[in-house]
Amino acid sequence: MIMLLLIYALAVQSNPIPTVEISPGVFYPTIQLGACTDCPTKAVCCGSNLSVSLPVWIDQQRGGVAAIDTQLRYNDTAIVETEITKITGLSRDSLWITSKIDPKVFCDAPDVKATVLSMVQTSLRQLNTTHIDLMLLHEPCDQTGKPHPSDVLAWDGLQQALANHWVRSIGVDKFVPAQIDALQGSKPNVLMAEVSMSNHDESLLEYCAKHNIHVNTFGVLHGCMMSDPLVVQLSEKYNTTASQICGVWTRQRGMTMAVGVGTNPSTVLQYTKEDLDIFSFNMTALEIDHLNNLQNDTQLKLLV
C-alpha cells in the first residue's frame, strides 16, 4: 500500500469533492487529474506535469478524496507513486486511482486474459498499492466500432481482477454501444469518453443511462466553447469563468471528468482551484438545454 508518511500536518478542506456511486459502496470523485506526463513522444501530454501538478492537486483536496487518472502506456505510474510518497500525511483512503490496460499489448496477445491480469499486477507494483479503484480497457481493439474477440477476453480478465479484489471497479474507454454489448458478464461500471459542450453524442449518453453505466469525460475544456456569447453571458451571471461554466455543464449532465491543470508552476494553483470550484452553484434547466444545443451551431437568443 502507498506509504503513510509522517503526521497529517496541513489544514483540512471543509468541502470535499462530491462523489458518484458507480457500484455498490464504490464512490467515484466528480473530478480527477489527468496524470499523463511522459508519453512515448517524451512530451508533456494530457494537460499536466506530475511533479508540478500532483502535489498541488492533492493539497487542495485535503479532507476529501483526490482522484488521479494514469496508466502504464503513459509511462508515469511509477512517477505517480514517487510523487505521492513525498506528500506528508497522505493515506491510501484519501486517493482514488484510475488506471488502464493498453490495447496495443492485449489485442494481439497469445493469451489475452493472462496478459490483462499481468498488466493489472504490474500496475499494482508500480503504484505500490494493494488495489486500483477503477481499471479500464483503454480503447477497443477494432477502431471502426465493431466488436472484437480480444475485447471480450480482456473484459473477462478485468472481471477476474475484480473478483481477486485487485481492483474495485471496472470499465472501458472509447467503446461504442455495439462493442459494450458484445462483452460477456457484467456491464462496465464506467465508460470514459470524449464529451464536451461542443462534442457530445446524446445517443451514447442515453445508452449509458439506460444500462446504468456512468460516463467519465475527457476533453471537457478542450471542447469548451469559451468565447461563445451564451457561455460568456452565463459566466458573468454566475461570476465565474467560461471554463467553469463548461465544468458545471458537465457535472449537471451527470458526468464526472478528467482534467489537466497545465505545466506552468506559476499557474497550476490557479487552474487547480478553478477546476475544483464548480460546485457552488447550478445553472437552470433551460440554460443547460441551451448549452446542450450549442454544438448544433443553432442561433440562440441570449438568456435574459
C-alpha atoms as a PDB file:
ATOM      1  CA  MET A   1       0.000   0.000   0.000  1.00  0.00           C
ATOM      2  CA  ILE A   2       1.135   3.529  -0.683  1.00  0.00           C
ATOM      3  CA  MET A   3       3.138   4.619   2.338  1.00  0.00           C
ATOM      4  CA  LEU A   4       1.552   6.722   5.051  1.00  0.00           C
ATOM      5  CA  LEU A   5       4.066   9.480   5.699  1.00  0.00           C
ATOM      6  CA  LEU A   6       4.652  11.423   8.929  1.00  0.00           C
ATOM      7  CA  ILE A   7       1.766  13.341  10.526  1.00  0.00           C
ATOM      8  CA  TYR A   8      -1.196  14.902   8.803  1.00  0.00           C
ATOM      9  CA  ALA A   9       0.064  18.470   9.076  1.00  0.00           C
ATOM     10  CA  LEU A  10      -1.915  20.606   6.680  1.00  0.00           C
ATOM     11  CA  ALA A  11      -5.338  22.142   7.077  1.00  0.00           C
ATOM     12  CA  VAL A  12      -8.317  20.033   6.065  1.00  0.00           C
ATOM     13  CA  GLN A  13     -10.522  21.323   3.289  1.00  0.00           C
ATOM     14  CA  SER A  14     -14.047  21.785   4.614  1.00  0.00           C
ATOM     15  CA  ASN A  15     -15.824  20.917   1.378  1.00  0.00           C
ATOM     16  CA  PRO A  16     -14.566  17.635  -0.127  1.00  0.00           C
ATOM     17  CA  ILE A  17     -15.282  16.992  -3.795  1.00  0.00           C
ATOM     18  CA  PRO A  18     -18.680  15.272  -4.277  1.00  0.00           C
ATOM     19  CA  THR A  19     -18.724  11.652  -5.437  1.00  0.00           C
ATOM     20  CA  VAL A  20     -20.943   9.390  -7.539  1.00  0.00           C
ATOM     21  CA  GLU A  21     -21.721   5.782  -6.587  1.00  0.00           C
ATOM     22  CA  ILE A  22     -20.717   3.692  -9.625  1.00  0.00           C
ATOM     23  CA  SER A  23     -21.183   0.284  -7.978  1.00  0.00           C
ATOM     24  CA  PRO A  24     -22.345  -0.747  -4.503  1.00  0.00           C
ATOM     25  CA  GLY A  25     -20.131   1.012  -1.976  1.00  0.00           C
ATOM     26  CA  VAL A  26     -17.749   2.440  -4.597  1.00  0.00           C
ATOM     27  CA  PHE A  27     -17.854   6.240  -4.845  1.00  0.00           C
ATOM     28  CA  TYR A  28     -16.164   7.973  -7.775  1.00  0.00           C
ATOM     29  CA  PRO A  29     -14.941  11.577  -7.257  1.00  0.00           C
ATOM     30  CA  THR A  30     -16.577  14.036  -9.639  1.00  0.00           C
ATOM     31  CA  ILE A  31     -13.281  15.370 -10.972  1.00  0.00           C
ATOM     32  CA  GLN A  32      -9.847  13.803 -11.406  1.00  0.00           C
ATOM     33  CA  LEU A  33      -6.416  14.900 -12.567  1.00  0.00           C
ATOM     34  CA  GLY A  34      -5.252  13.545 -15.910  1.00  0.00           C
ATOM     35  CA  ALA A  35      -1.820  12.397 -14.781  1.00  0.00           C
ATOM     36  CA  CYS A  36      -0.049  11.742 -18.069  1.00  0.00           C
ATOM     37  CA  THR A  37       3.401  13.282 -18.060  1.00  0.00           C
ATOM     38  CA  ASP A  38       5.783  11.181 -20.182  1.00  0.00           C
ATOM     39  CA  CYS A  39       4.157   9.793 -23.312  1.00  0.00           C
ATOM     40  CA  PRO A  40       6.134   7.828 -25.941  1.00  0.00           C
ATOM     41  CA  THR A  41       6.929  11.161 -27.616  1.00  0.00           C
ATOM     42  CA  LYS A  42       8.613  12.253 -24.370  1.00  0.00           C
ATOM     43  CA  ALA A  43       6.425  15.338 -24.474  1.00  0.00           C
ATOM     44  CA  VAL A  44       4.093  16.501 -21.723  1.00  0.00           C
ATOM     45  CA  CYS A  45       0.551  15.364 -22.543  1.00  0.00           C
ATOM     46  CA  CYS A  46      -2.908  15.196 -21.018  1.00  0.00           C
ATOM     47  CA  GLY A  47      -2.504  18.751 -19.811  1.00  0.00           C
ATOM     48  CA  SER A  48      -0.492  18.125 -16.646  1.00  0.00           C
ATOM     49  CA  ASN A  49       3.056  17.638 -15.402  1.00  0.00           C
ATOM     50  CA  LEU A  50       3.058  15.435 -12.328  1.00  0.00           C
ATOM     51  CA  SER A  51       5.982  16.917 -10.457  1.00  0.00           C
ATOM     52  CA  VAL A  52       4.299  20.312 -10.699  1.00  0.00           C
ATOM     53  CA  SER A  53       0.603  19.489 -10.553  1.00  0.00           C
ATOM     54  CA  LEU A  54       0.096  16.396  -8.400  1.00  0.00           C
ATOM     55  CA  PRO A  55       1.224  17.869  -5.034  1.00  0.00           C
ATOM     56  CA  VAL A  56      -0.980  20.927  -5.611  1.00  0.00           C
ATOM     57  CA  TRP A  57      -3.948  18.819  -6.745  1.00  0.00           C
ATOM     58  CA  ILE A  58      -3.817  16.646  -3.628  1.00  0.00           C
ATOM     59  CA  ASP A  59      -3.131  19.510  -1.220  1.00  0.00           C
ATOM     60  CA  GLN A  60      -6.207  21.377  -2.437  1.00  0.00           C
ATOM     61  CA  GLN A  61      -8.382  18.370  -1.540  1.00  0.00           C
ATOM     62  CA  ARG A  62      -7.226  17.588   1.976  1.00  0.00           C
ATOM     63  CA  GLY A  63     -10.116  16.090   3.904  1.00  0.00           C
ATOM     64  CA  GLY A  64     -11.644  14.542   0.801  1.00  0.00           C
ATOM     65  CA  VAL A  65     -10.554  12.078  -1.864  1.00  0.00           C
ATOM     66  CA  ALA A  66      -8.200  13.321  -4.595  1.00  0.00           C
ATOM     67  CA  ALA A  67      -8.544  11.406  -7.865  1.00  0.00           C
ATOM     68  CA  ILE A  68      -5.753  10.662 -10.340  1.00  0.00           C
ATOM     69  CA  ASP A  69      -6.037   9.184 -13.840  1.00  0.00           C
ATOM     70  CA  THR A  70      -2.985   7.300 -15.111  1.00  0.00           C
ATOM     71  CA  GLN A  71      -1.910   4.157 -16.991  1.00  0.00           C
ATOM     72  CA  LEU A  72       1.145   2.125 -17.963  1.00  0.00           C
ATOM     73  CA  ARG A  73       1.159   3.445 -21.544  1.00  0.00           C
ATOM     74  CA  TYR A  74       1.687   6.950 -20.192  1.00  0.00           C
ATOM     75  CA  ASN A  75       4.972   5.749 -18.609  1.00  0.00           C
ATOM     76  CA  ASP A  76       4.053   7.552 -15.414  1.00  0.00           C
ATOM     77  CA  THR A  77       2.641   5.061 -12.899  1.00  0.00           C
ATOM     78  CA  ALA A  78       5.997   4.848 -11.141  1.00  0.00           C
ATOM     79  CA  ILE A  79       6.194   8.657 -11.190  1.00  0.00           C
ATOM     80  CA  VAL A  80       2.714   8.857  -9.627  1.00  0.00           C
ATOM     81  CA  GLU A  81       3.887   6.593  -6.803  1.00  0.00           C
ATOM     82  CA  THR A  82       7.092   8.601  -6.316  1.00  0.00           C
ATOM     83  CA  GLU A  83       5.244  11.914  -6.129  1.00  0.00           C
ATOM     84  CA  ILE A  84       2.577  10.523  -3.790  1.00  0.00           C
ATOM     85  CA  THR A  85       5.126   9.207  -1.293  1.00  0.00           C
ATOM     86  CA  LYS A  86       6.605  12.696  -0.996  1.00  0.00           C
ATOM     87  CA  ILE A  87       3.340  14.150   0.297  1.00  0.00           C
ATOM     88  CA  THR A  88       3.088  14.485   4.053  1.00  0.00           C
ATOM     89  CA  GLY A  89       0.269  12.721   5.875  1.00  0.00           C
ATOM     90  CA  LEU A  90      -1.306  11.026   2.866  1.00  0.00           C
ATOM     91  CA  SER A  91      -3.296   7.805   3.316  1.00  0.00           C
ATOM     92  CA  ARG A  92      -4.436   5.428   0.591  1.00  0.00           C
ATOM     93  CA  ASP A  93      -8.066   6.108   1.535  1.00  0.00           C
ATOM     94  CA  SER A  94      -7.629   9.751   0.548  1.00  0.00           C
ATOM     95  CA  LEU A  95      -6.715   8.797  -3.041  1.00  0.00           C
ATOM     96  CA  TRP A  96      -8.701   7.480  -5.967  1.00  0.00           C
ATOM     97  CA  ILE A  97      -6.538   5.880  -8.650  1.00  0.00           C
ATOM     98  CA  THR A  98      -7.842   5.168 -12.144  1.00  0.00           C
ATOM     99  CA  SER A  99      -5.614   3.196 -14.490  1.00  0.00           C
ATOM    100  CA  LYS A 100      -5.986   1.496 -17.879  1.00  0.00           C
ATOM    101  CA  ILE A 101      -4.972  -1.577 -19.877  1.00  0.00           C
ATOM    102  CA  ASP A 102      -3.212  -0.798 -23.169  1.00  0.00           C
ATOM    103  CA  PRO A 103      -4.880  -2.380 -26.239  1.00  0.00           C
ATOM    104  CA  LYS A 104      -1.548  -2.337 -28.070  1.00  0.00           C
ATOM    105  CA  VAL A 105      -0.437  -5.002 -25.608  1.00  0.00           C
ATOM    106  CA  PHE A 106      -3.515  -7.175 -25.172  1.00  0.00           C
ATOM    107  CA  CYS A 107      -5.248  -7.114 -28.578  1.00  0.00           C
ATOM    108  CA  ASP A 108      -2.761  -9.438 -30.304  1.00  0.00           C
ATOM    109  CA  ALA A 109      -1.508 -11.295 -27.240  1.00  0.00           C
ATOM    110  CA  PRO A 110      -1.441 -15.128 -27.433  1.00  0.00           C
ATOM    111  CA  ASP A 111      -3.307 -15.289 -24.111  1.00  0.00           C
ATOM    112  CA  VAL A 112      -5.352 -12.118 -23.770  1.00  0.00           C
ATOM    113  CA  LYS A 113      -6.825 -12.780 -20.326  1.00  0.00           C
ATOM    114  CA  ALA A 114      -3.450 -13.706 -18.808  1.00  0.00           C
ATOM    115  CA  THR A 115      -1.893 -10.608 -20.383  1.00  0.00           C
ATOM    116  CA  VAL A 116      -4.556  -8.355 -18.868  1.00  0.00           C
ATOM    117  CA  LEU A 117      -4.123  -9.897 -15.421  1.00  0.00           C
ATOM    118  CA  SER A 118      -0.351  -9.473 -15.697  1.00  0.00           C
ATOM    119  CA  MET A 119      -0.788  -5.810 -16.633  1.00  0.00           C
ATOM    120  CA  VAL A 120      -3.032  -5.233 -13.630  1.00  0.00           C
ATOM    121  CA  GLN A 121      -0.372  -6.749 -11.380  1.00  0.00           C
ATOM    122  CA  THR A 122       2.337  -4.605 -12.983  1.00  0.00           C
ATOM    123  CA  SER A 123       0.209  -1.511 -12.318  1.00  0.00           C
ATOM    124  CA  LEU A 124      -0.225  -2.533  -8.684  1.00  0.00           C
ATOM    125  CA  ARG A 125       3.524  -2.963  -8.263  1.00  0.00           C
ATOM    126  CA  GLN A 126       4.441   0.318  -9.932  1.00  0.00           C
ATOM    127  CA  LEU A 127       1.834   2.234  -7.967  1.00  0.00           C
ATOM    128  CA  ASN A 128       2.868   0.388  -4.778  1.00  0.00           C
ATOM    129  CA  THR A 129      -0.740  -0.209  -3.799  1.00  0.00           C
ATOM    130  CA  THR A 130      -2.911  -3.184  -2.877  1.00  0.00           C
ATOM    131  CA  HIS A 131      -5.724  -2.136  -5.208  1.00  0.00           C
ATOM    132  CA  ILE A 132      -6.683   0.187  -8.037  1.00  0.00           C
ATOM    133  CA  ASP A 133     -10.020   1.943  -7.682  1.00  0.00           C
ATOM    134  CA  LEU A 134     -11.005   1.852 -11.355  1.00  0.00           C
ATOM    135  CA  MET A 135      -9.368  -0.136 -14.155  1.00  0.00           C
ATOM    136  CA  LEU A 136     -10.387   0.463 -17.764  1.00  0.00           C
ATOM    137  CA  LEU A 137      -9.751  -1.195 -21.096  1.00  0.00           C
ATOM    138  CA  HIS A 138      -8.115   1.742 -22.859  1.00  0.00           C
ATOM    139  CA  GLU A 139      -9.693   1.696 -26.330  1.00  0.00           C
ATOM    140  CA  PRO A 140     -11.290  -1.238 -28.185  1.00  0.00           C
ATOM    141  CA  CYS A 141      -9.216  -3.462 -30.461  1.00  0.00           C
ATOM    142  CA  ASP A 142     -11.286  -2.520 -33.515  1.00  0.00           C
ATOM    143  CA  GLN A 143     -11.279   1.227 -34.217  1.00  0.00           C
ATOM    144  CA  THR A 144     -14.199   1.026 -36.665  1.00  0.00           C
ATOM    145  CA  GLY A 145     -16.788   0.368 -33.957  1.00  0.00           C
ATOM    146  CA  LYS A 146     -17.115  -3.386 -34.462  1.00  0.00           C
ATOM    147  CA  PRO A 147     -16.884  -5.916 -31.603  1.00  0.00           C
ATOM    148  CA  HIS A 148     -13.604  -7.826 -31.367  1.00  0.00           C
ATOM    149  CA  PRO A 149     -12.940 -11.215 -29.688  1.00  0.00           C
ATOM    150  CA  SER A 150      -9.912  -9.849 -27.816  1.00  0.00           C
ATOM    151  CA  ASP A 151     -12.076  -7.186 -26.167  1.00  0.00           C
ATOM    152  CA  VAL A 152     -14.304  -9.950 -24.790  1.00  0.00           C
ATOM    153  CA  LEU A 153     -11.314 -11.898 -23.447  1.00  0.00           C
ATOM    154  CA  ALA A 154      -9.765  -8.748 -21.979  1.00  0.00           C
ATOM    155  CA  TRP A 155     -13.041  -7.888 -20.271  1.00  0.00           C
ATOM    156  CA  ASP A 156     -13.078 -11.390 -18.776  1.00  0.00           C
ATOM    157  CA  GLY A 157      -9.629 -10.604 -17.392  1.00  0.00           C
ATOM    158  CA  LEU A 158     -10.847  -7.389 -15.769  1.00  0.00           C
ATOM    159  CA  GLN A 159     -13.770  -9.234 -14.196  1.00  0.00           C
ATOM    160  CA  GLN A 160     -11.279 -11.735 -12.762  1.00  0.00           C
ATOM    161  CA  ALA A 161      -9.171  -8.887 -11.390  1.00  0.00           C
ATOM    162  CA  LEU A 162     -12.336  -7.523  -9.760  1.00  0.00           C
ATOM    163  CA  ALA A 163     -13.094 -10.931  -8.240  1.00  0.00           C
ATOM    164  CA  ASN A 164      -9.495 -11.064  -6.971  1.00  0.00           C
ATOM    165  CA  HIS A 165     -10.008  -7.682  -5.243  1.00  0.00           C
ATOM    166  CA  TRP A 166      -7.114  -6.200  -7.210  1.00  0.00           C
ATOM    167  CA  VAL A 167      -9.485  -3.527  -8.499  1.00  0.00           C
ATOM    168  CA  ARG A 168     -12.655  -2.022  -7.018  1.00  0.00           C
ATOM    169  CA  SER A 169     -14.482  -1.217 -10.248  1.00  0.00           C
ATOM    170  CA  ILE A 170     -14.003  -1.790 -13.969  1.00  0.00           C
ATOM    171  CA  GLY A 171     -14.897  -0.058 -17.200  1.00  0.00           C
ATOM    172  CA  VAL A 172     -13.996   0.745 -20.781  1.00  0.00           C
ATOM    173  CA  ASP A 173     -12.625   3.746 -22.636  1.00  0.00           C
ATOM    174  CA  LYS A 174     -13.747   4.914 -26.112  1.00  0.00           C
ATOM    175  CA  PHE A 175     -16.006   1.882 -26.645  1.00  0.00           C
ATOM    176  CA  VAL A 176     -19.265   2.297 -28.574  1.00  0.00           C
ATOM    177  CA  PRO A 177     -22.559   0.576 -27.637  1.00  0.00           C
ATOM    178  CA  ALA A 178     -22.105  -2.374 -30.060  1.00  0.00           C
ATOM    179  CA  GLN A 179     -18.704  -3.107 -28.514  1.00  0.00           C
ATOM    180  CA  ILE A 180     -20.064  -2.851 -24.981  1.00  0.00           C
ATOM    181  CA  ASP A 181     -22.996  -5.129 -25.822  1.00  0.00           C
ATOM    182  CA  ALA A 182     -20.553  -7.802 -27.022  1.00  0.00           C
ATOM    183  CA  LEU A 183     -18.841  -8.017 -23.611  1.00  0.00           C
ATOM    184  CA  GLN A 184     -19.809 -11.031 -21.539  1.00  0.00           C
ATOM    185  CA  GLY A 185     -20.802 -10.934 -17.886  1.00  0.00           C
ATOM    186  CA  SER A 186     -21.426  -7.683 -16.064  1.00  0.00           C
ATOM    187  CA  LYS A 187     -21.728  -4.321 -17.799  1.00  0.00           C
ATOM    188  CA  PRO A 188     -18.926  -1.780 -17.277  1.00  0.00           C
ATOM    189  CA  ASN A 189     -19.272   0.446 -14.232  1.00  0.00           C
ATOM    190  CA  VAL A 190     -17.795   3.328 -16.234  1.00  0.00           C
ATOM    191  CA  LEU A 191     -17.422   4.417 -19.838  1.00  0.00           C
ATOM    192  CA  MET A 192     -14.698   7.001 -20.382  1.00  0.00           C
ATOM    193  CA  ALA A 193     -15.469   9.036 -23.483  1.00  0.00           C
ATOM    194  CA  GLU A 194     -14.602  12.336 -25.087  1.00  0.00           C
ATOM    195  CA  VAL A 195     -17.552  14.551 -24.214  1.00  0.00           C
ATOM    196  CA  SER A 196     -17.679  18.316 -24.204  1.00  0.00           C
ATOM    197  CA  MET A 197     -20.074  21.146 -24.795  1.00  0.00           C
ATOM    198  CA  SER A 198     -19.033  21.250 -28.461  1.00  0.00           C
ATOM    199  CA  ASN A 199     -18.851  17.480 -28.967  1.00  0.00           C
ATOM    200  CA  HIS A 200     -21.347  15.193 -27.267  1.00  0.00           C
ATOM    201  CA  ASP A 201     -23.236  12.182 -28.598  1.00  0.00           C
ATOM    202  CA  GLU A 202     -26.671  12.230 -26.989  1.00  0.00           C
ATOM    203  CA  SER A 203     -27.449   8.691 -28.179  1.00  0.00           C
ATOM    204  CA  LEU A 204     -24.339   7.409 -26.386  1.00  0.00           C
ATOM    205  CA  LEU A 205     -25.300   9.220 -23.189  1.00  0.00           C
ATOM    206  CA  GLU A 206     -28.830   7.788 -23.410  1.00  0.00           C
ATOM    207  CA  TYR A 207     -27.407   4.284 -23.912  1.00  0.00           C
ATOM    208  CA  CYS A 208     -25.226   4.614 -20.807  1.00  0.00           C
ATOM    209  CA  ALA A 209     -28.126   5.926 -18.724  1.00  0.00           C
ATOM    210  CA  LYS A 210     -30.309   3.014 -19.844  1.00  0.00           C
ATOM    211  CA  HIS A 211     -27.657   0.458 -18.890  1.00  0.00           C
ATOM    212  CA  ASN A 212     -26.569   2.180 -15.663  1.00  0.00           C
ATOM    213  CA  ILE A 213     -23.074   2.887 -16.979  1.00  0.00           C
ATOM    214  CA  HIS A 214     -21.514   6.006 -15.531  1.00  0.00           C
ATOM    215  CA  VAL A 215     -19.865   8.362 -18.038  1.00  0.00           C
ATOM    216  CA  ASN A 216     -16.496   9.879 -17.218  1.00  0.00           C
ATOM    217  CA  THR A 217     -15.386  12.502 -19.699  1.00  0.00           C
ATOM    218  CA  PHE A 218     -12.147  13.803 -21.089  1.00  0.00           C
ATOM    219  CA  GLY A 219     -11.767  16.815 -23.355  1.00  0.00           C
ATOM    220  CA  VAL A 220     -14.194  18.945 -21.339  1.00  0.00           C
ATOM    221  CA  LEU A 221     -12.010  22.034 -21.529  1.00  0.00           C
ATOM    222  CA  HIS A 222     -10.574  21.255 -24.956  1.00  0.00           C
ATOM    223  CA  GLY A 223     -14.134  21.348 -26.306  1.00  0.00           C
ATOM    224  CA  CYS A 224     -15.293  24.201 -24.097  1.00  0.00           C
ATOM    225  CA  MET A 225     -16.880  26.970 -26.155  1.00  0.00           C
ATOM    226  CA  MET A 226     -15.321  29.687 -24.015  1.00  0.00           C
ATOM    227  CA  SER A 227     -15.875  32.543 -26.445  1.00  0.00           C
ATOM    228  CA  ASP A 228     -19.481  31.704 -27.281  1.00  0.00           C
ATOM    229  CA  PRO A 229     -21.721  34.647 -26.279  1.00  0.00           C
ATOM    230  CA  LEU A 230     -24.017  32.426 -24.239  1.00  0.00           C
ATOM    231  CA  VAL A 231     -21.127  30.889 -22.289  1.00  0.00           C
ATOM    232  CA  VAL A 232     -19.678  34.349 -21.696  1.00  0.00           C
ATOM    233  CA  GLN A 233     -23.040  35.670 -20.517  1.00  0.00           C
ATOM    234  CA  LEU A 234     -23.505  32.780 -18.115  1.00  0.00           C
ATOM    235  CA  SER A 235     -20.015  33.233 -16.705  1.00  0.00           C
ATOM    236  CA  GLU A 236     -20.875  36.859 -15.996  1.00  0.00           C
ATOM    237  CA  LYS A 237     -24.233  35.945 -14.477  1.00  0.00           C
ATOM    238  CA  TYR A 238     -22.672  33.429 -12.065  1.00  0.00           C
ATOM    239  CA  ASN A 239     -19.476  35.447 -11.502  1.00  0.00           C
ATOM    240  CA  THR A 240     -17.280  32.603 -12.685  1.00  0.00           C
ATOM    241  CA  THR A 241     -15.045  31.740 -15.648  1.00  0.00           C
ATOM    242  CA  ALA A 242     -16.114  30.324 -19.001  1.00  0.00           C
ATOM    243  CA  SER A 243     -14.189  27.120 -18.325  1.00  0.00           C
ATOM    244  CA  GLN A 244     -16.060  26.705 -15.033  1.00  0.00           C
ATOM    245  CA  ILE A 245     -19.357  27.008 -16.924  1.00  0.00           C
ATOM    246  CA  CYS A 246     -18.205  24.038 -19.023  1.00  0.00           C
ATOM    247  CA  GLY A 247     -17.303  22.097 -15.877  1.00  0.00           C
ATOM    248  CA  VAL A 248     -20.670  22.834 -14.276  1.00  0.00           C
ATOM    249  CA  TRP A 249     -22.446  21.838 -17.510  1.00  0.00           C
ATOM    250  CA  THR A 250     -20.589  18.502 -17.425  1.00  0.00           C
ATOM    251  CA  ARG A 251     -21.450  17.918 -13.771  1.00  0.00           C
ATOM    252  CA  GLN A 252     -25.115  18.826 -14.207  1.00  0.00           C
ATOM    253  CA  ARG A 253     -25.342  16.433 -17.138  1.00  0.00           C
ATOM    254  CA  GLY A 254     -24.470  13.716 -14.600  1.00  0.00           C
ATOM    255  CA  MET A 255     -20.914  13.080 -15.745  1.00  0.00           C
ATOM    256  CA  THR A 256     -17.582  13.093 -13.964  1.00  0.00           C
ATOM    257  CA  MET A 257     -14.463  14.439 -15.682  1.00  0.00           C
ATOM    258  CA  ALA A 258     -10.698  14.144 -16.057  1.00  0.00           C
ATOM    259  CA  VAL A 259      -8.942  17.479 -16.470  1.00  0.00           C
ATOM    260  CA  GLY A 260      -5.454  18.910 -16.758  1.00  0.00           C
ATOM    261  CA  VAL A 261      -4.019  21.893 -14.930  1.00  0.00           C
ATOM    262  CA  GLY A 262      -1.127  22.744 -17.212  1.00  0.00           C
ATOM    263  CA  THR A 263       2.626  22.589 -16.774  1.00  0.00           C
ATOM    264  CA  ASN A 264       3.464  26.116 -15.661  1.00  0.00           C
ATOM    265  CA  PRO A 265       4.300  26.231 -11.927  1.00  0.00           C
ATOM    266  CA  SER A 266       3.103  29.826 -11.732  1.00  0.00           C
ATOM    267  CA  THR A 267      -0.454  28.961 -12.861  1.00  0.00           C
ATOM    268  CA  VAL A 268      -1.017  25.398 -11.627  1.00  0.00           C
ATOM    269  CA  LEU A 269      -2.527  26.503  -8.320  1.00  0.00           C
ATOM    270  CA  GLN A 270      -4.867  28.955 -10.065  1.00  0.00           C
ATOM    271  CA  TYR A 271      -6.030  26.370 -12.599  1.00  0.00           C
ATOM    272  CA  THR A 272      -6.431  23.696  -9.920  1.00  0.00           C
ATOM    273  CA  LYS A 273      -8.632  25.952  -7.808  1.00  0.00           C
ATOM    274  CA  GLU A 274     -10.634  26.893 -10.889  1.00  0.00           C
ATOM    275  CA  ASP A 275     -11.179  23.261 -11.903  1.00  0.00           C
ATOM    276  CA  LEU A 276     -12.260  22.265  -8.394  1.00  0.00           C
ATOM    277  CA  ASP A 277     -14.571  25.247  -7.858  1.00  0.00           C
ATOM    278  CA  ILE A 278     -17.560  24.023  -9.895  1.00  0.00           C
ATOM    279  CA  PHE A 279     -19.875  23.012  -7.067  1.00  0.00           C
ATOM    280  CA  SER A 280     -21.082  26.294  -5.602  1.00  0.00           C
ATOM    281  CA  PHE A 281     -23.976  26.871  -7.995  1.00  0.00           C
ATOM    282  CA  ASN A 282     -26.264  25.149 -10.507  1.00  0.00           C
ATOM    283  CA  MET A 283     -27.486  26.567 -13.775  1.00  0.00           C
ATOM    284  CA  THR A 284     -31.174  26.379 -14.647  1.00  0.00           C
ATOM    285  CA  ALA A 285     -32.604  23.519 -16.705  1.00  0.00           C
ATOM    286  CA  LEU A 286     -33.252  25.973 -19.549  1.00  0.00           C
ATOM    287  CA  GLU A 287     -29.653  27.171 -19.511  1.00  0.00           C
ATOM    288  CA  ILE A 288     -28.386  23.589 -19.611  1.00  0.00           C
ATOM    289  CA  ASP A 289     -30.712  22.849 -22.511  1.00  0.00           C
ATOM    290  CA  HIS A 290     -29.443  25.833 -24.483  1.00  0.00           C
ATOM    291  CA  LEU A 291     -25.841  24.828 -23.799  1.00  0.00           C
ATOM    292  CA  ASN A 292     -26.625  21.297 -24.992  1.00  0.00           C
ATOM    293  CA  ASN A 293     -27.628  22.758 -28.348  1.00  0.00           C
ATOM    294  CA  LEU A 294     -24.562  24.921 -28.931  1.00  0.00           C
ATOM    295  CA  GLN A 295     -22.801  22.102 -30.781  1.00  0.00           C
ATOM    296  CA  ASN A 296     -25.515  22.256 -33.438  1.00  0.00           C
ATOM    297  CA  ASP A 297     -24.481  25.829 -34.361  1.00  0.00           C
ATOM    298  CA  THR A 298     -28.011  26.949 -33.597  1.00  0.00           C
ATOM    299  CA  GLN A 299     -28.544  30.707 -33.500  1.00  0.00           C
ATOM    300  CA  LEU A 300     -29.585  31.261 -29.905  1.00  0.00           C
ATOM    301  CA  LYS A 301     -31.044  34.286 -28.288  1.00  0.00           C
ATOM    302  CA  LEU A 302     -29.051  35.212 -25.206  1.00  0.00           C
ATOM    303  CA  LEU A 303     -30.813  34.499 -21.941  1.00  0.00           C
ATOM    304  CA  VAL A 304     -32.197  37.420 -20.006  1.00  0.00           C
END
